[in-house]
Amino acid sequence: MSTTNIDSWGEVPDGRHLPPEPKQQEQPDAALLERLAAYKREHELTDNDLGRKLGVSGTMVNRALNGKFAGNARTFAARVADFLRNDPARRRVREESFANAFTRGVADFLETVRRTGDVGLAYSPAGKGKTMGVALHAAANPLVVAFELAKWNCGASGLERALFAAVENRAWKRNNESRGEFLTGRFKGSRRLVVVD
């Protein structure tokens, strides 16, 4: 014997019941999607090109830009917001920097950490090129979040402040959640690389 709660079902004239309408899929913020569409037009990108930059399929980009998004709208919006916010800095690094064997080694190491989902530690004497290697890797990988911490400000609160400043954070509601909760929600399940220099 099976039971069904029909309180939320609609009744048709002959006494039969119909299931409720399917729940509407949540869509990313329209203003954010307009900024993404403008970026796509400005740089003459295809949906697949833009998808590669965002770490999603071209189909997902197309559906989002056409109001038919299916998926986790919050995660997608976080990727788009961070991508658009950090793009000017990435472009500057690509235009003003050049790679050498050491910086390529740093970038390769970071790519391995990202791909495997591990935690990595790279160290060497000052001035070798670690910071430039991080910058070059972040410039080539739009979803990498990279930031620097001064040694006098590298405690938990300094780390939280720096990470918060490195991502698009206008969606944070001060009275609803702490910065740490906001950041946890933003990165949970995203498989994005965070680099602290």
C-alpha atoms as a PDB file:
ATOM      1  CA  MET A   1       0.000   0.000   0.000  1.00  0.00           C
ATOM      2  CA  SER A   2       1.357   3.410  -0.892  1.00  0.00           C
ATOM      3  CA  THR A   3       0.327   6.758   0.519  1.00  0.00           C
ATOM      4  CA  THR A   4       0.589  10.178  -1.049  1.00  0.00           C
ATOM      5  CA  ASN A   5       0.135  13.579   0.529  1.00  0.00           C
ATOM      6  CA  ILE A   6      -2.228  15.380  -1.822  1.00  0.00           C
ATOM      7  CA  ASP A   7      -2.502  18.630   0.154  1.00  0.00           C
ATOM      8  CA  SER A   8      -0.293  20.409  -2.376  1.00  0.00           C
ATOM      9  CA  TRP A   9      -1.842  18.777  -5.437  1.00  0.00           C
ATOM     10  CA  GLY A  10      -4.511  20.375  -7.531  1.00  0.00           C
ATOM     11  CA  GLU A  11      -7.847  18.675  -8.038  1.00  0.00           C
ATOM     12  CA  VAL A  12      -9.379  18.463 -11.482  1.00  0.00           C
ATOM     13  CA  PRO A  13     -13.181  18.464 -12.019  1.00  0.00           C
ATOM     14  CA  ASP A  14     -13.556  14.680 -12.176  1.00  0.00           C
ATOM     15  CA  GLY A  15     -11.969  14.255  -8.730  1.00  0.00           C
ATOM     16  CA  ARG A  16      -8.521  13.123  -9.886  1.00  0.00           C
ATOM     17  CA  HIS A  17      -5.433  14.861  -8.528  1.00  0.00           C
ATOM     18  CA  LEU A  18      -2.514  16.217 -10.492  1.00  0.00           C
ATOM     19  CA  PRO A  19       1.024  16.584  -9.157  1.00  0.00           C
ATOM     20  CA  PRO A  20       2.177  20.121  -8.319  1.00  0.00           C
ATOM     21  CA  GLU A  21       3.996  22.185 -10.903  1.00  0.00           C
ATOM     22  CA  PRO A  22       7.748  21.488 -10.946  1.00  0.00           C
ATOM     23  CA  LYS A  23       9.812  23.929  -8.918  1.00  0.00           C
ATOM     24  CA  GLN A  24      11.384  26.705 -11.033  1.00  0.00           C
ATOM     25  CA  GLN A  25      15.180  26.325 -11.416  1.00  0.00           C
ATOM     26  CA  GLU A  26      17.080  29.121  -9.664  1.00  0.00           C
ATOM     27  CA  GLN A  27      18.787  31.460 -12.153  1.00  0.00           C
ATOM     28  CA  PRO A  28      22.004  33.448 -11.623  1.00  0.00           C
ATOM     29  CA  ASP A  29      21.670  37.204 -11.091  1.00  0.00           C
ATOM     30  CA  ALA A  30      20.570  38.941 -14.307  1.00  0.00           C
ATOM     31  CA  ALA A  31      22.979  41.892 -13.886  1.00  0.00           C
ATOM     32  CA  LEU A  32      25.917  39.505 -13.448  1.00  0.00           C
ATOM     33  CA  LEU A  33      24.887  37.573 -16.555  1.00  0.00           C
ATOM     34  CA  GLU A  34      24.682  40.824 -18.531  1.00  0.00           C
ATOM     35  CA  ARG A  35      28.263  41.641 -17.473  1.00  0.00           C
ATOM     36  CA  LEU A  36      29.314  38.155 -18.586  1.00  0.00           C
ATOM     37  CA  ALA A  37      27.555  38.603 -21.946  1.00  0.00           C
ATOM     38  CA  ALA A  38      29.294  41.980 -22.409  1.00  0.00           C
ATOM     39  CA  TYR A  39      32.658  40.354 -21.646  1.00  0.00           C
ATOM     40  CA  LYS A  40      31.910  37.620 -24.173  1.00  0.00           C
ATOM     41  CA  ARG A  41      31.062  40.200 -26.854  1.00  0.00           C
ATOM     42  CA  GLU A  42      34.033  42.453 -26.059  1.00  0.00           C
ATOM     43  CA  HIS A  43      36.549  39.608 -26.329  1.00  0.00           C
ATOM     44  CA  GLU A  44      34.716  37.834 -29.179  1.00  0.00           C
ATOM     45  CA  LEU A  45      34.513  34.528 -27.325  1.00  0.00           C
ATOM     46  CA  THR A  46      32.360  31.511 -28.084  1.00  0.00           C
ATOM     47  CA  ASP A  47      30.350  29.836 -25.347  1.00  0.00           C
ATOM     48  CA  ASN A  48      32.974  27.069 -25.305  1.00  0.00           C
ATOM     49  CA  ASP A  49      35.837  29.582 -24.974  1.00  0.00           C
ATOM     50  CA  LEU A  50      34.103  31.250 -22.056  1.00  0.00           C
ATOM     51  CA  GLY A  51      33.216  27.903 -20.518  1.00  0.00           C
ATOM     52  CA  ARG A  52      36.876  26.861 -20.538  1.00  0.00           C
ATOM     53  CA  LYS A  53      37.820  30.060 -18.724  1.00  0.00           C
ATOM     54  CA  LEU A  54      35.093  29.464 -16.124  1.00  0.00           C
ATOM     55  CA  GLY A  55      35.787  25.753 -15.750  1.00  0.00           C
ATOM     56  CA  VAL A  56      32.307  24.754 -16.977  1.00  0.00           C
ATOM     57  CA  SER A  57      30.840  23.516 -20.250  1.00  0.00           C
ATOM     58  CA  GLY A  58      29.960  25.812 -23.114  1.00  0.00           C
ATOM     59  CA  THR A  59      26.425  24.464 -22.845  1.00  0.00           C
ATOM     60  CA  MET A  60      26.162  25.713 -19.258  1.00  0.00           C
ATOM     61  CA  VAL A  61      27.334  29.177 -20.351  1.00  0.00           C
ATOM     62  CA  ASN A  62      24.828  29.196 -23.212  1.00  0.00           C
ATOM     63  CA  ARG A  63      21.936  28.136 -20.979  1.00  0.00           C
ATOM     64  CA  ALA A  64      22.868  30.769 -18.370  1.00  0.00           C
ATOM     65  CA  LEU A  65      23.051  33.569 -20.933  1.00  0.00           C
ATOM     66  CA  ASN A  66      19.702  32.522 -22.403  1.00  0.00           C
ATOM     67  CA  GLY A  67      17.768  32.328 -19.111  1.00  0.00           C
ATOM     68  CA  LYS A  68      17.626  28.522 -19.086  1.00  0.00           C
ATOM     69  CA  PHE A  69      20.313  27.776 -16.501  1.00  0.00           C
ATOM     70  CA  ALA A  70      20.275  24.316 -14.928  1.00  0.00           C
ATOM     71  CA  GLY A  71      22.678  23.620 -12.103  1.00  0.00           C
ATOM     72  CA  ASN A  72      23.934  25.243  -8.925  1.00  0.00           C
ATOM     73  CA  ALA A  73      23.275  28.932  -9.584  1.00  0.00           C
ATOM     74  CA  ARG A  74      25.208  30.070  -6.512  1.00  0.00           C
ATOM     75  CA  THR A  75      28.406  28.226  -7.461  1.00  0.00           C
ATOM     76  CA  PHE A  76      28.180  29.377 -11.069  1.00  0.00           C
ATOM     77  CA  ALA A  77      27.574  32.997 -10.038  1.00  0.00           C
ATOM     78  CA  ALA A  78      30.567  32.889  -7.662  1.00  0.00           C
ATOM     79  CA  ARG A  79      32.824  31.689 -10.475  1.00  0.00           C
ATOM     80  CA  VAL A  80      31.562  34.373 -12.855  1.00  0.00           C
ATOM     81  CA  ALA A  81      31.834  37.182 -10.289  1.00  0.00           C
ATOM     82  CA  ASP A  82      35.398  36.255  -9.300  1.00  0.00           C
ATOM     83  CA  PHE A  83      36.411  35.778 -12.940  1.00  0.00           C
ATOM     84  CA  LEU A  84      35.113  39.213 -13.966  1.00  0.00           C
ATOM     85  CA  ARG A  85      36.568  40.930 -10.899  1.00  0.00           C
ATOM     86  CA  ASN A  86      40.103  39.565 -11.377  1.00  0.00           C
ATOM     87  CA  ASP A  87      40.338  39.646 -15.177  1.00  0.00           C
ATOM     88  CA  PRO A  88      42.017  43.095 -15.454  1.00  0.00           C
ATOM     89  CA  ALA A  89      44.825  42.040 -13.082  1.00  0.00           C
ATOM     90  CA  ARG A  90      45.346  38.755 -14.952  1.00  0.00           C
ATOM     91  CA  ARG A  91      45.587  40.620 -18.259  1.00  0.00           C
ATOM     92  CA  ARG A  92      48.177  43.022 -16.822  1.00  0.00           C
ATOM     93  CA  VAL A  93      50.329  40.135 -15.617  1.00  0.00           C
ATOM     94  CA  ARG A  94      50.166  38.437 -19.029  1.00  0.00           C
ATOM     95  CA  GLU A  95      51.178  41.679 -20.777  1.00  0.00           C
ATOM     96  CA  GLU A  96      53.956  42.750 -18.391  1.00  0.00           C
ATOM     97  CA  SER A  97      55.552  39.440 -17.375  1.00  0.00           C
ATOM     98  CA  PHE A  98      57.632  36.716 -18.905  1.00  0.00           C
ATOM     99  CA  ALA A  99      58.271  33.170 -17.784  1.00  0.00           C
ATOM    100  CA  ASN A 100      61.584  31.501 -17.064  1.00  0.00           C
ATOM    101  CA  ALA A 101      62.447  27.953 -15.966  1.00  0.00           C
ATOM    102  CA  PHE A 102      61.843  28.709 -12.278  1.00  0.00           C
ATOM    103  CA  THR A 103      58.484  30.477 -12.713  1.00  0.00           C
ATOM    104  CA  ARG A 104      57.331  27.692 -15.069  1.00  0.00           C
ATOM    105  CA  GLY A 105      58.312  25.174 -12.373  1.00  0.00           C
ATOM    106  CA  VAL A 106      56.190  27.049  -9.814  1.00  0.00           C
ATOM    107  CA  ALA A 107      53.263  27.158 -12.236  1.00  0.00           C
ATOM    108  CA  ASP A 108      53.613  23.418 -12.973  1.00  0.00           C
ATOM    109  CA  PHE A 109      53.665  22.671  -9.249  1.00  0.00           C
ATOM    110  CA  LEU A 110      50.505  24.727  -8.689  1.00  0.00           C
ATOM    111  CA  GLU A 111      48.761  22.992 -11.581  1.00  0.00           C
ATOM    112  CA  THR A 112      49.593  19.604 -10.051  1.00  0.00           C
ATOM    113  CA  VAL A 113      48.174  20.724  -6.692  1.00  0.00           C
ATOM    114  CA  ARG A 114      45.027  22.012  -8.396  1.00  0.00           C
ATOM    115  CA  ARG A 115      44.534  18.888 -10.485  1.00  0.00           C
ATOM    116  CA  THR A 116      45.003  16.477  -7.560  1.00  0.00           C
ATOM    117  CA  GLY A 117      43.088  18.548  -5.009  1.00  0.00           C
ATOM    118  CA  ASP A 118      46.032  18.419  -2.598  1.00  0.00           C
ATOM    119  CA  VAL A 119      47.596  20.981  -0.304  1.00  0.00           C
ATOM    120  CA  GLY A 120      51.056  22.040  -1.451  1.00  0.00           C
ATOM    121  CA  LEU A 121      53.953  24.041  -0.033  1.00  0.00           C
ATOM    122  CA  ALA A 122      56.541  25.634  -2.322  1.00  0.00           C
ATOM    123  CA  TYR A 123      59.550  27.293  -0.728  1.00  0.00           C
ATOM    124  CA  SER A 124      62.859  28.782  -1.825  1.00  0.00           C
ATOM    125  CA  PRO A 125      65.064  31.743  -0.970  1.00  0.00           C
ATOM    126  CA  ALA A 126      63.561  35.195  -1.523  1.00  0.00           C
ATOM    127  CA  GLY A 127      63.850  36.676  -4.984  1.00  0.00           C
ATOM    128  CA  LYS A 128      63.851  33.435  -6.984  1.00  0.00           C
ATOM    129  CA  GLY A 129      60.476  34.049  -8.659  1.00  0.00           C
ATOM    130  CA  LYS A 130      57.819  32.312  -6.565  1.00  0.00           C
ATOM    131  CA  THR A 131      55.508  35.335  -6.590  1.00  0.00           C
ATOM    132  CA  MET A 132      55.906  35.776 -10.354  1.00  0.00           C
ATOM    133  CA  GLY A 133      55.266  32.053 -10.894  1.00  0.00           C
ATOM    134  CA  VAL A 134      52.052  32.336  -8.877  1.00  0.00           C
ATOM    135  CA  ALA A 135      51.008  35.434 -10.839  1.00  0.00           C
ATOM    136  CA  LEU A 136      51.685  33.761 -14.183  1.00  0.00           C
ATOM    137  CA  HIS A 137      49.761  30.627 -13.152  1.00  0.00           C
ATOM    138  CA  ALA A 138      46.818  32.723 -11.937  1.00  0.00           C
ATOM    139  CA  ALA A 139      46.878  34.733 -15.177  1.00  0.00           C
ATOM    140  CA  ALA A 140      46.570  31.520 -17.189  1.00  0.00           C
ATOM    141  CA  ASN A 141      43.922  29.986 -14.892  1.00  0.00           C
ATOM    142  CA  PRO A 142      41.086  32.454 -14.306  1.00  0.00           C
ATOM    143  CA  LEU A 143      39.504  30.643 -11.355  1.00  0.00           C
ATOM    144  CA  VAL A 144      42.676  30.519  -9.246  1.00  0.00           C
ATOM    145  CA  VAL A 145      42.439  32.847  -6.247  1.00  0.00           C
ATOM    146  CA  ALA A 146      45.921  34.097  -5.384  1.00  0.00           C
ATOM    147  CA  PHE A 147      46.852  36.697  -2.792  1.00  0.00           C
ATOM    148  CA  GLU A 148      49.797  37.771  -0.664  1.00  0.00           C
ATOM    149  CA  LEU A 149      50.041  37.907   3.121  1.00  0.00           C
ATOM    150  CA  ALA A 150      52.544  40.017   4.996  1.00  0.00           C
ATOM    151  CA  LYS A 151      54.368  38.080   7.737  1.00  0.00           C
ATOM    152  CA  TRP A 152      52.974  40.430  10.406  1.00  0.00           C
ATOM    153  CA  ASN A 153      49.431  39.714   9.257  1.00  0.00           C
ATOM    154  CA  CYS A 154      49.447  35.968   8.554  1.00  0.00           C
ATOM    155  CA  GLY A 155      47.264  34.744  11.428  1.00  0.00           C
ATOM    156  CA  ALA A 156      43.780  33.305  10.952  1.00  0.00           C
ATOM    157  CA  SER A 157      42.060  36.707  10.894  1.00  0.00           C
ATOM    158  CA  GLY A 158      44.599  38.134   8.428  1.00  0.00           C
ATOM    159  CA  LEU A 159      44.148  35.119   6.172  1.00  0.00           C
ATOM    160  CA  GLU A 160      40.357  35.473   6.321  1.00  0.00           C
ATOM    161  CA  ARG A 161      40.517  39.205   5.490  1.00  0.00           C
ATOM    162  CA  ALA A 162      42.899  38.669   2.574  1.00  0.00           C
ATOM    163  CA  LEU A 163      40.851  35.828   1.057  1.00  0.00           C
ATOM    164  CA  PHE A 164      37.655  37.847   1.494  1.00  0.00           C
ATOM    165  CA  ALA A 165      39.265  40.800  -0.337  1.00  0.00           C
ATOM    166  CA  ALA A 166      40.479  38.516  -3.156  1.00  0.00           C
ATOM    167  CA  VAL A 167      36.992  37.389  -4.187  1.00  0.00           C
ATOM    168  CA  GLU A 168      33.869  39.208  -5.320  1.00  0.00           C
ATOM    169  CA  ASN A 169      32.192  39.813  -1.957  1.00  0.00           C
ATOM    170  CA  ARG A 170      29.316  42.230  -2.584  1.00  0.00           C
ATOM    171  CA  ALA A 171      26.826  39.395  -2.003  1.00  0.00           C
ATOM    172  CA  TRP A 172      27.970  39.070   1.628  1.00  0.00           C
ATOM    173  CA  LYS A 173      25.228  39.971   4.114  1.00  0.00           C
ATOM    174  CA  ARG A 174      27.010  41.228   7.227  1.00  0.00           C
ATOM    175  CA  ASN A 175      24.102  40.503   9.562  1.00  0.00           C
ATOM    176  CA  ASN A 176      23.326  37.040   8.168  1.00  0.00           C
ATOM    177  CA  GLU A 177      26.720  35.326   8.194  1.00  0.00           C
ATOM    178  CA  SER A 178      30.343  35.818   9.178  1.00  0.00           C
ATOM    179  CA  ARG A 179      33.027  36.342   6.563  1.00  0.00           C
ATOM    180  CA  GLY A 180      34.262  32.824   7.262  1.00  0.00           C
ATOM    181  CA  GLU A 181      30.803  31.359   6.629  1.00  0.00           C
ATOM    182  CA  PHE A 182      30.523  33.375   3.407  1.00  0.00           C
ATOM    183  CA  LEU A 183      33.907  32.097   2.205  1.00  0.00           C
ATOM    184  CA  THR A 184      33.119  28.504   3.175  1.00  0.00           C
ATOM    185  CA  GLY A 185      29.895  28.618   1.175  1.00  0.00           C
ATOM    186  CA  ARG A 186      31.656  30.235  -1.771  1.00  0.00           C
ATOM    187  CA  PHE A 187      34.389  27.612  -2.065  1.00  0.00           C
ATOM    188  CA  LYS A 188      32.632  24.460  -0.817  1.00  0.00           C
ATOM    189  CA  GLY A 189      32.691  21.846  -3.557  1.00  0.00           C
ATOM    190  CA  SER A 190      34.167  24.274  -6.115  1.00  0.00           C
ATOM    191  CA  ARG A 191      37.549  22.473  -6.497  1.00  0.00           C
ATOM    192  CA  ARG A 192      39.190  25.873  -7.019  1.00  0.00           C
ATOM    193  CA  LEU A 193      42.826  26.512  -6.164  1.00  0.00           C
ATOM    194  CA  VAL A 194      43.592  29.103  -3.472  1.00  0.00           C
ATOM    195  CA  VAL A 195      47.228  30.257  -3.366  1.00  0.00           C
ATOM    196  CA  VAL A 196      48.632  32.161  -0.394  1.00  0.00           C
ATOM    197  CA  ASP A 197      51.973  33.850  -1.073  1.00  0.00           C
END
